[in-house]
Amino acid sequence: MRNILFGLLLGLLAGCSSSTDVIITDKDKLNGAELSKVISFARGFIANAKNAKFSSSELDIINRYEPEMRIHYTGYKKGRIVLVWLGVEQKEVQAIGEGYFLDEEDCHWSLKVVKSETVFKKPGKSELPLAGALPKMPAVQGQPDTKGAPQK
């Protein structure tokens, strides 16, 4: 009986253990110079990719324009980063890095190329209408009430 109670107590204690959430501060995030370094790593990875061949004009677009990016931090300067170049001759080029961002060896890169007849660019925030904004409508006079209202 005593062993059963001890086992139940251990089970309860293990079940009540708190999960540790990582709190990311500004110190943990990449600054401008570090972000430029990571983008440079990604461009080098794309240029040297063996499975995907890019023309010189495609590489010029990748090297000239800044990518769209999404970053999910899991610790100090580490996590997952997705860099996307749109409009590269009907291709969407995605460089995905996981690990410690500032070390070229510790950040594991993968490449995804999506070919399409049409590659759409999502509008930026400045190009979207404000929430609740209504288009201007011309003022028109309503129709006369023909149901239930006394006729003149």
Protein backbone atom coordinates (compact mmCIF):
# COMPACT_ATOMS: atom_id res chain seq x y z
CA MET A 1 0.00 0.00 0.00
CA ARG A 2 2.80 2.32 0.89
CA ASN A 3 4.55 1.71 -2.47
CA ILE A 4 1.32 2.46 -4.35
CA LEU A 5 0.88 5.78 -2.54
CA PHE A 6 4.52 6.65 -3.17
CA GLY A 7 4.07 5.87 -6.89
CA LEU A 8 0.92 8.01 -7.05
CA LEU A 9 2.72 10.87 -5.34
CA LEU A 10 5.60 10.70 -7.82
CA GLY A 11 3.11 10.60 -10.70
CA LEU A 12 1.31 13.67 -9.39
CA LEU A 13 4.55 15.57 -8.90
CA ALA A 14 5.73 14.73 -12.42
CA GLY A 15 2.37 15.79 -13.86
CA CYS A 16 2.47 19.11 -12.03
CA SER A 17 5.90 20.12 -13.26
CA SER A 18 5.75 23.42 -15.06
CA SER A 19 6.81 23.75 -18.66
CA THR A 20 9.52 26.32 -19.14
CA ASP A 21 8.53 29.05 -21.57
CA VAL A 22 11.34 30.96 -23.19
CA ILE A 23 11.05 34.70 -22.76
CA ILE A 24 12.72 36.49 -25.66
CA THR A 25 14.12 39.96 -24.99
CA ASP A 26 15.44 42.55 -27.45
CA LYS A 27 18.95 41.41 -26.51
CA ASP A 28 18.12 37.95 -27.90
CA LYS A 29 16.96 39.29 -31.27
CA LEU A 30 19.10 40.15 -34.27
CA ASN A 31 20.04 43.80 -34.77
CA GLY A 32 20.43 45.43 -38.19
CA ALA A 33 24.08 44.47 -38.75
CA GLU A 34 23.48 40.90 -37.59
CA LEU A 35 20.43 40.59 -39.81
CA SER A 36 22.50 41.75 -42.80
CA LYS A 37 25.06 39.07 -41.95
CA VAL A 38 22.37 36.36 -41.87
CA ILE A 39 20.95 37.54 -45.22
CA SER A 40 24.49 37.38 -46.61
CA PHE A 41 24.79 33.77 -45.37
CA ALA A 42 21.50 32.92 -47.09
CA ARG A 43 22.57 34.53 -50.37
CA GLY A 44 25.82 32.54 -50.29
CA PHE A 45 23.88 29.35 -49.62
CA ILE A 46 21.57 30.04 -52.57
CA ALA A 47 24.48 30.84 -54.91
CA ASN A 48 26.24 27.58 -53.98
CA ALA A 49 23.14 25.34 -53.98
CA LYS A 50 23.85 22.17 -55.95
CA ASN A 51 20.27 21.01 -56.51
CA ALA A 52 18.91 24.35 -57.74
CA LYS A 53 20.55 26.19 -60.60
CA PHE A 54 19.94 29.91 -60.91
CA SER A 55 20.70 32.12 -63.89
CA SER A 56 22.89 35.18 -63.45
CA SER A 57 19.82 37.44 -63.72
CA GLU A 58 18.06 35.46 -60.96
CA LEU A 59 21.10 35.69 -58.70
CA ASP A 60 21.32 39.41 -59.46
CA ILE A 61 17.73 39.88 -58.23
CA ILE A 62 18.46 37.86 -55.08
CA ASN A 63 21.63 39.87 -54.38
CA ARG A 64 20.12 43.27 -55.19
CA TYR A 65 16.77 43.16 -53.37
CA GLU A 66 16.00 42.64 -49.70
CA PRO A 67 13.88 39.56 -48.95
CA GLU A 68 10.65 39.37 -47.03
CA MET A 69 11.41 37.67 -43.73
CA ARG A 70 9.77 35.86 -40.87
CA ILE A 71 11.74 35.08 -37.71
CA HIS A 72 10.77 32.84 -34.80
CA TYR A 73 13.22 33.08 -31.91
CA THR A 74 13.82 30.15 -29.56
CA GLY A 75 16.75 31.62 -27.63
CA TYR A 76 19.68 34.02 -27.84
CA LYS A 77 20.16 34.80 -31.57
CA LYS A 78 18.72 31.43 -32.52
CA GLY A 79 15.54 29.98 -33.89
CA ARG A 80 14.06 29.74 -37.38
CA ILE A 81 14.25 32.36 -40.13
CA VAL A 82 12.51 32.26 -43.49
CA LEU A 83 13.77 34.64 -46.19
CA VAL A 84 11.60 34.94 -49.32
CA TRP A 85 12.43 36.55 -52.65
CA LEU A 86 9.42 37.00 -54.94
CA GLY A 87 9.34 37.65 -58.65
CA VAL A 88 12.55 35.87 -59.53
CA GLU A 89 11.49 34.97 -63.09
CA GLN A 90 8.22 33.30 -62.06
CA LYS A 91 9.78 31.71 -58.98
CA GLU A 92 9.47 32.20 -55.27
CA VAL A 93 12.80 31.47 -53.61
CA GLN A 94 12.76 30.61 -49.90
CA ALA A 95 15.90 30.20 -47.81
CA ILE A 96 15.10 28.63 -44.44
CA GLY A 97 17.66 28.75 -41.64
CA GLU A 98 17.41 26.95 -38.29
CA GLY A 99 19.79 27.14 -35.37
CA TYR A 100 22.21 29.81 -34.15
CA PHE A 101 21.89 32.55 -36.76
CA LEU A 102 25.31 34.21 -36.48
CA ASP A 103 27.43 31.13 -37.18
CA GLU A 104 27.39 29.89 -40.76
CA GLU A 105 28.13 26.34 -39.58
CA ASP A 106 25.56 26.21 -36.76
CA CYS A 107 22.67 27.58 -38.82
CA HIS A 108 21.31 24.77 -40.98
CA TRP A 109 19.99 26.12 -44.27
CA SER A 110 17.49 24.59 -46.67
CA LEU A 111 16.19 25.95 -49.96
CA LYS A 112 12.71 25.86 -51.41
CA VAL A 113 11.93 27.07 -54.93
CA VAL A 114 8.30 27.36 -56.01
CA LYS A 115 7.77 27.72 -59.74
CA SER A 116 4.53 29.25 -60.91
CA GLU A 117 2.95 30.88 -63.93
CA THR A 118 2.02 33.74 -61.64
CA VAL A 119 3.79 34.78 -58.47
CA PHE A 120 1.71 37.18 -56.41
CA LYS A 121 3.17 39.73 -54.06
CA LYS A 122 1.07 40.37 -51.00
CA PRO A 123 0.26 44.06 -50.61
CA GLY A 124 2.09 45.89 -47.87
CA LYS A 125 0.27 47.48 -44.96
CA SER A 126 0.32 50.88 -46.66
CA GLU A 127 -1.47 49.45 -49.70
CA LEU A 128 -4.35 47.93 -47.74
CA PRO A 129 -7.49 49.90 -46.89
CA LEU A 130 -8.05 50.76 -43.25
CA ALA A 131 -10.30 48.43 -41.30
CA GLY A 132 -13.85 49.72 -41.34
CA ALA A 133 -13.16 52.14 -44.18
CA LEU A 134 -16.11 52.29 -46.54
CA PRO A 135 -15.87 53.24 -50.18
CA LYS A 136 -17.40 56.60 -51.07
CA MET A 137 -20.94 56.05 -52.29
CA PRO A 138 -22.95 58.66 -54.16
CA ALA A 139 -25.91 60.02 -52.23
CA VAL A 140 -29.16 58.78 -53.75
CA GLN A 141 -32.75 59.35 -52.81
CA GLY A 142 -34.53 56.28 -51.47
CA GLN A 143 -37.53 54.60 -53.04
CA PRO A 144 -40.99 55.67 -51.91
CA ASP A 145 -42.61 53.53 -49.22
CA THR A 146 -45.42 51.53 -50.83
CA LYS A 147 -46.17 49.08 -48.03
CA GLY A 148 -48.27 50.08 -45.08
CA ALA A 149 -47.77 53.81 -45.33
CA PRO A 150 -50.75 55.99 -46.13
CA GLN A 151 -50.75 57.21 -49.71
CA LYS A 152 -51.14 60.91 -50.43
